[in-house]
Amino acid sequence: MTNATPLRRTLSALAATTLLAGGLLLGQAVTAPPAQAAGHVICKPTELRTQAHELRAKAAKLDRLGERQAARKARAQATALEKKAKACEDSDNSASKPFPR
């Protein structure tokens, strides 16, 4: 029985590693969701504002029930949704003017 030379062991290990890495990359490429276009983001400010309004109503109800921490959290979420809606509107308005002066 002959032992494999160090070069032969190195080359076979390199080939096995390359095949495994290629298989992993191929598997990720197949299962990955399709990429979206960079400049095409759908934003619905009216829905965001409606959700924010519902959260503010929920916060008021929680305040009446004495759940101050939960009400504070609901108000913070509502504020975040309103900021997101404002940012969406601002980006829509500035989209028609790519280079403002």
N, C-alpha and C. Protein backbone atom coordinates (compact mmCIF):
# COMPACT_ATOMS: atom_id res chain seq x y z
N MET A 1 0.84 -1.17 0.00
CA MET A 1 0.00 0.00 0.00
C MET A 1 0.89 1.24 0.00
N THR A 2 0.65 2.13 -0.94
CA THR A 2 1.48 3.32 -1.03
C THR A 2 0.75 4.51 -0.44
N ASN A 3 1.49 5.36 0.20
CA ASN A 3 0.90 6.57 0.77
C ASN A 3 0.83 7.66 -0.29
N ALA A 4 -0.19 8.52 -0.18
CA ALA A 4 -0.33 9.62 -1.13
C ALA A 4 0.71 10.68 -0.81
N THR A 5 1.24 11.28 -1.83
CA THR A 5 2.22 12.33 -1.62
C THR A 5 1.52 13.58 -1.10
N PRO A 6 2.26 14.45 -0.43
CA PRO A 6 1.64 15.66 0.11
C PRO A 6 0.96 16.52 -0.98
N LEU A 7 1.55 16.58 -2.15
CA LEU A 7 0.94 17.37 -3.22
C LEU A 7 -0.39 16.78 -3.65
N ARG A 8 -0.45 15.47 -3.73
CA ARG A 8 -1.69 14.81 -4.15
C ARG A 8 -2.79 15.04 -3.11
N ARG A 9 -2.42 14.97 -1.82
CA ARG A 9 -3.41 15.24 -0.76
C ARG A 9 -3.89 16.68 -0.82
N THR A 10 -2.98 17.60 -1.07
CA THR A 10 -3.33 19.01 -1.14
C THR A 10 -4.27 19.29 -2.31
N LEU A 11 -3.94 18.73 -3.46
CA LEU A 11 -4.78 18.95 -4.64
C LEU A 11 -6.17 18.34 -4.48
N SER A 12 -6.25 17.16 -3.89
CA SER A 12 -7.57 16.55 -3.71
C SER A 12 -8.39 17.33 -2.68
N ALA A 13 -7.75 17.84 -1.64
CA ALA A 13 -8.46 18.65 -0.65
C ALA A 13 -8.94 19.96 -1.29
N LEU A 14 -8.11 20.56 -2.13
CA LEU A 14 -8.48 21.80 -2.81
C LEU A 14 -9.65 21.55 -3.77
N ALA A 15 -9.63 20.45 -4.48
CA ALA A 15 -10.72 20.12 -5.40
C ALA A 15 -12.02 19.88 -4.64
N ALA A 16 -11.94 19.18 -3.52
CA ALA A 16 -13.15 18.91 -2.73
C ALA A 16 -13.71 20.21 -2.16
N THR A 17 -12.86 21.09 -1.68
CA THR A 17 -13.30 22.37 -1.14
C THR A 17 -13.96 23.21 -2.22
N THR A 18 -13.39 23.23 -3.41
CA THR A 18 -13.94 24.01 -4.51
C THR A 18 -15.33 23.48 -4.90
N LEU A 19 -15.46 22.17 -4.96
CA LEU A 19 -16.77 21.59 -5.29
C LEU A 19 -17.82 21.90 -4.24
N LEU A 20 -17.44 21.82 -2.96
CA LEU A 20 -18.39 22.14 -1.90
C LEU A 20 -18.79 23.61 -1.94
N ALA A 21 -17.84 24.50 -2.10
CA ALA A 21 -18.14 25.93 -2.15
C ALA A 21 -19.03 26.26 -3.35
N GLY A 22 -18.73 25.65 -4.49
CA GLY A 22 -19.56 25.88 -5.68
C GLY A 22 -20.97 25.38 -5.48
N GLY A 23 -21.12 24.25 -4.83
CA GLY A 23 -22.46 23.71 -4.55
C GLY A 23 -23.23 24.60 -3.60
N LEU A 24 -22.56 25.15 -2.59
CA LEU A 24 -23.23 26.06 -1.66
C LEU A 24 -23.68 27.33 -2.37
N LEU A 25 -22.81 27.89 -3.19
CA LEU A 25 -23.18 29.11 -3.92
C LEU A 25 -24.33 28.86 -4.87
N LEU A 26 -24.30 27.72 -5.55
CA LEU A 26 -25.37 27.38 -6.48
C LEU A 26 -26.68 27.19 -5.72
N GLY A 27 -26.62 26.55 -4.57
CA GLY A 27 -27.82 26.33 -3.76
C GLY A 27 -28.41 27.64 -3.27
N GLN A 28 -27.55 28.58 -2.89
CA GLN A 28 -28.05 29.88 -2.43
C GLN A 28 -28.63 30.67 -3.58
N ALA A 29 -28.06 30.58 -4.75
CA ALA A 29 -28.56 31.31 -5.90
C ALA A 29 -29.93 30.79 -6.32
N VAL A 30 -30.14 29.49 -6.18
CA VAL A 30 -31.43 28.91 -6.57
C VAL A 30 -32.52 29.27 -5.58
N THR A 31 -32.20 29.27 -4.28
CA THR A 31 -33.22 29.50 -3.27
C THR A 31 -33.40 30.97 -2.92
N ALA A 32 -32.53 31.84 -3.37
CA ALA A 32 -32.62 33.26 -3.04
C ALA A 32 -33.82 33.89 -3.75
N PRO A 33 -34.52 34.83 -3.08
CA PRO A 33 -35.62 35.52 -3.74
C PRO A 33 -35.08 36.43 -4.84
N PRO A 34 -35.88 36.71 -5.85
CA PRO A 34 -35.41 37.58 -6.93
C PRO A 34 -35.13 38.99 -6.42
N ALA A 35 -34.09 39.58 -6.94
CA ALA A 35 -33.71 40.92 -6.52
C ALA A 35 -34.69 41.94 -7.10
N GLN A 36 -34.97 42.97 -6.31
CA GLN A 36 -35.86 44.01 -6.79
C GLN A 36 -35.05 45.12 -7.41
N ALA A 37 -35.70 45.86 -8.27
CA ALA A 37 -35.02 46.99 -8.90
C ALA A 37 -34.65 48.02 -7.84
N ALA A 38 -33.50 48.64 -8.00
CA ALA A 38 -32.98 49.53 -6.98
C ALA A 38 -33.87 50.76 -6.77
N GLY A 39 -34.40 51.34 -7.82
CA GLY A 39 -35.16 52.57 -7.68
C GLY A 39 -36.66 52.37 -7.66
N HIS A 40 -37.14 51.14 -7.59
CA HIS A 40 -38.57 50.88 -7.69
C HIS A 40 -39.09 50.35 -6.36
N VAL A 41 -39.37 51.25 -5.43
CA VAL A 41 -39.89 50.88 -4.13
C VAL A 41 -41.34 51.35 -4.08
N ILE A 42 -42.23 50.44 -3.73
CA ILE A 42 -43.64 50.79 -3.64
C ILE A 42 -43.92 51.30 -2.24
N CYS A 43 -44.48 52.47 -2.17
CA CYS A 43 -44.74 53.11 -0.89
C CYS A 43 -46.18 53.62 -0.89
N LYS A 44 -46.91 53.32 0.16
CA LYS A 44 -48.31 53.72 0.25
C LYS A 44 -48.50 54.58 1.49
N PRO A 45 -48.31 55.91 1.36
CA PRO A 45 -48.39 56.78 2.53
C PRO A 45 -49.77 56.79 3.18
N THR A 46 -50.83 56.65 2.39
CA THR A 46 -52.17 56.67 3.00
C THR A 46 -52.37 55.47 3.92
N GLU A 47 -51.89 54.31 3.49
CA GLU A 47 -52.00 53.13 4.35
C GLU A 47 -51.15 53.27 5.60
N LEU A 48 -49.97 53.84 5.46
CA LEU A 48 -49.11 54.05 6.62
C LEU A 48 -49.76 55.01 7.61
N ARG A 49 -50.38 56.06 7.10
CA ARG A 49 -51.04 57.02 7.99
C ARG A 49 -52.26 56.39 8.67
N THR A 50 -52.97 55.52 7.95
CA THR A 50 -54.10 54.82 8.55
C THR A 50 -53.64 53.92 9.69
N GLN A 51 -52.56 53.21 9.46
CA GLN A 51 -52.01 52.35 10.52
C GLN A 51 -51.56 53.17 11.72
N ALA A 52 -50.96 54.32 11.44
CA ALA A 52 -50.50 55.20 12.53
C ALA A 52 -51.70 55.70 13.33
N HIS A 53 -52.78 56.05 12.64
CA HIS A 53 -53.98 56.53 13.33
C HIS A 53 -54.56 55.42 14.22
N GLU A 54 -54.59 54.19 13.71
CA GLU A 54 -55.08 53.07 14.51
C GLU A 54 -54.20 52.83 15.73
N LEU A 55 -52.89 52.97 15.56
CA LEU A 55 -51.98 52.80 16.70
C LEU A 55 -52.17 53.89 17.74
N ARG A 56 -52.43 55.11 17.29
CA ARG A 56 -52.67 56.20 18.26
C ARG A 56 -53.97 55.96 19.02
N ALA A 57 -55.00 55.44 18.35
CA ALA A 57 -56.24 55.10 19.04
C ALA A 57 -56.00 53.98 20.06
N LYS A 58 -55.20 53.02 19.68
CA LYS A 58 -54.85 51.93 20.59
C LYS A 58 -54.09 52.46 21.79
N ALA A 59 -53.18 53.41 21.55
CA ALA A 59 -52.40 54.00 22.65
C ALA A 59 -53.32 54.74 23.62
N ALA A 60 -54.31 55.46 23.09
CA ALA A 60 -55.24 56.16 23.96
C ALA A 60 -56.04 55.17 24.81
N LYS A 61 -56.45 54.08 24.20
CA LYS A 61 -57.19 53.06 24.94
C LYS A 61 -56.31 52.45 26.04
N LEU A 62 -55.06 52.17 25.69
CA LEU A 62 -54.14 51.60 26.69
C LEU A 62 -53.89 52.59 27.83
N ASP A 63 -53.84 53.88 27.50
CA ASP A 63 -53.68 54.89 28.56
C ASP A 63 -54.86 54.86 29.51
N ARG A 64 -56.06 54.74 28.96
CA ARG A 64 -57.25 54.68 29.82
C ARG A 64 -57.25 53.45 30.70
N LEU A 65 -56.65 52.35 30.21
CA LEU A 65 -56.59 51.12 30.99
C LEU A 65 -55.42 51.11 31.97
N GLY A 66 -54.56 52.12 31.89
CA GLY A 66 -53.44 52.21 32.82
C GLY A 66 -52.17 51.54 32.33
N GLU A 67 -52.14 51.11 31.10
CA GLU A 67 -50.95 50.46 30.53
C GLU A 67 -50.07 51.52 29.88
N ARG A 68 -49.34 52.25 30.71
CA ARG A 68 -48.55 53.39 30.21
C ARG A 68 -47.41 52.94 29.28
N GLN A 69 -46.71 51.88 29.66
CA GLN A 69 -45.56 51.43 28.86
C GLN A 69 -46.01 50.95 27.48
N ALA A 70 -47.08 50.19 27.42
CA ALA A 70 -47.59 49.70 26.14
C ALA A 70 -48.10 50.86 25.28
N ALA A 71 -48.71 51.86 25.93
CA ALA A 71 -49.20 53.03 25.20
C ALA A 71 -48.04 53.82 24.62
N ARG A 72 -46.97 53.95 25.39
CA ARG A 72 -45.78 54.66 24.91
C ARG A 72 -45.19 53.94 23.69
N LYS A 73 -45.17 52.61 23.74
CA LYS A 73 -44.64 51.83 22.64
C LYS A 73 -45.51 51.99 21.39
N ALA A 74 -46.82 51.97 21.56
CA ALA A 74 -47.74 52.14 20.43
C ALA A 74 -47.58 53.53 19.81
N ARG A 75 -47.40 54.55 20.65
CA ARG A 75 -47.20 55.91 20.12
C ARG A 75 -45.88 56.01 19.35
N ALA A 76 -44.85 55.34 19.84
CA ALA A 76 -43.56 55.36 19.14
C ALA A 76 -43.68 54.69 17.78
N GLN A 77 -44.42 53.60 17.72
CA GLN A 77 -44.63 52.92 16.44
C GLN A 77 -45.43 53.81 15.48
N ALA A 78 -46.42 54.50 16.02
CA ALA A 78 -47.22 55.40 15.18
C ALA A 78 -46.37 56.54 14.64
N THR A 79 -45.52 57.08 15.48
CA THR A 79 -44.63 58.15 15.04
C THR A 79 -43.68 57.66 13.95
N ALA A 80 -43.17 56.45 14.11
CA ALA A 80 -42.28 55.88 13.09
C ALA A 80 -43.01 55.69 11.77
N LEU A 81 -44.26 55.24 11.82
CA LEU A 81 -45.03 55.07 10.59
C LEU A 81 -45.30 56.41 9.91
N GLU A 82 -45.58 57.44 10.72
CA GLU A 82 -45.82 58.77 10.14
C GLU A 82 -44.55 59.32 9.49
N LYS A 83 -43.40 59.10 10.12
CA LYS A 83 -42.14 59.55 9.52
C LYS A 83 -41.87 58.82 8.21
N LYS A 84 -42.18 57.52 8.20
CA LYS A 84 -41.99 56.74 6.98
C LYS A 84 -42.91 57.24 5.87
N ALA A 85 -44.16 57.57 6.21
CA ALA A 85 -45.10 58.10 5.22
C ALA A 85 -44.61 59.44 4.68
N LYS A 86 -44.09 60.28 5.57
CA LYS A 86 -43.57 61.58 5.14
C LYS A 86 -42.37 61.40 4.22
N ALA A 87 -41.49 60.46 4.57
CA ALA A 87 -40.32 60.20 3.73
C ALA A 87 -40.75 59.67 2.36
N CYS A 88 -41.78 58.85 2.33
CA CYS A 88 -42.28 58.33 1.05
C CYS A 88 -42.82 59.47 0.18
N GLU A 89 -43.59 60.35 0.80
CA GLU A 89 -44.14 61.47 0.05
C GLU A 89 -43.03 62.40 -0.45
N ASP A 90 -42.04 62.65 0.40
CA ASP A 90 -40.93 63.51 0.00
C ASP A 90 -40.15 62.90 -1.15
N SER A 91 -39.94 61.59 -1.09
CA SER A 91 -39.19 60.95 -2.18
C SER A 91 -40.00 60.94 -3.47
N ASP A 92 -41.32 60.80 -3.36
CA ASP A 92 -42.17 60.86 -4.55
C ASP A 92 -42.15 62.25 -5.15
N ASN A 93 -42.16 63.27 -4.30
CA ASN A 93 -42.16 64.65 -4.80
C ASN A 93 -40.83 65.02 -5.42
N SER A 94 -39.74 64.53 -4.88
CA SER A 94 -38.44 64.88 -5.41
C SER A 94 -38.04 64.01 -6.59
N ALA A 95 -38.79 62.93 -6.85
CA ALA A 95 -38.47 62.03 -7.96
C ALA A 95 -38.64 62.73 -9.30
N SER A 96 -39.55 63.69 -9.36
CA SER A 96 -39.76 64.38 -10.62
C SER A 96 -38.65 65.40 -10.88
N LYS A 97 -37.93 65.79 -9.82
CA LYS A 97 -36.82 66.75 -9.95
C LYS A 97 -35.54 66.06 -9.50
N PRO A 98 -34.86 65.36 -10.39
CA PRO A 98 -33.69 64.60 -9.94
C PRO A 98 -32.53 65.48 -9.45
N PHE A 99 -32.40 66.69 -10.00
CA PHE A 99 -31.31 67.55 -9.58
C PHE A 99 -31.88 68.89 -9.13
N PRO A 100 -32.30 69.01 -7.87
CA PRO A 100 -32.86 70.28 -7.40
C PRO A 100 -31.79 71.38 -7.38
N ARG A 101 -32.23 72.60 -7.66
CA ARG A 101 -31.29 73.72 -7.68
C ARG A 101 -31.60 74.72 -6.61
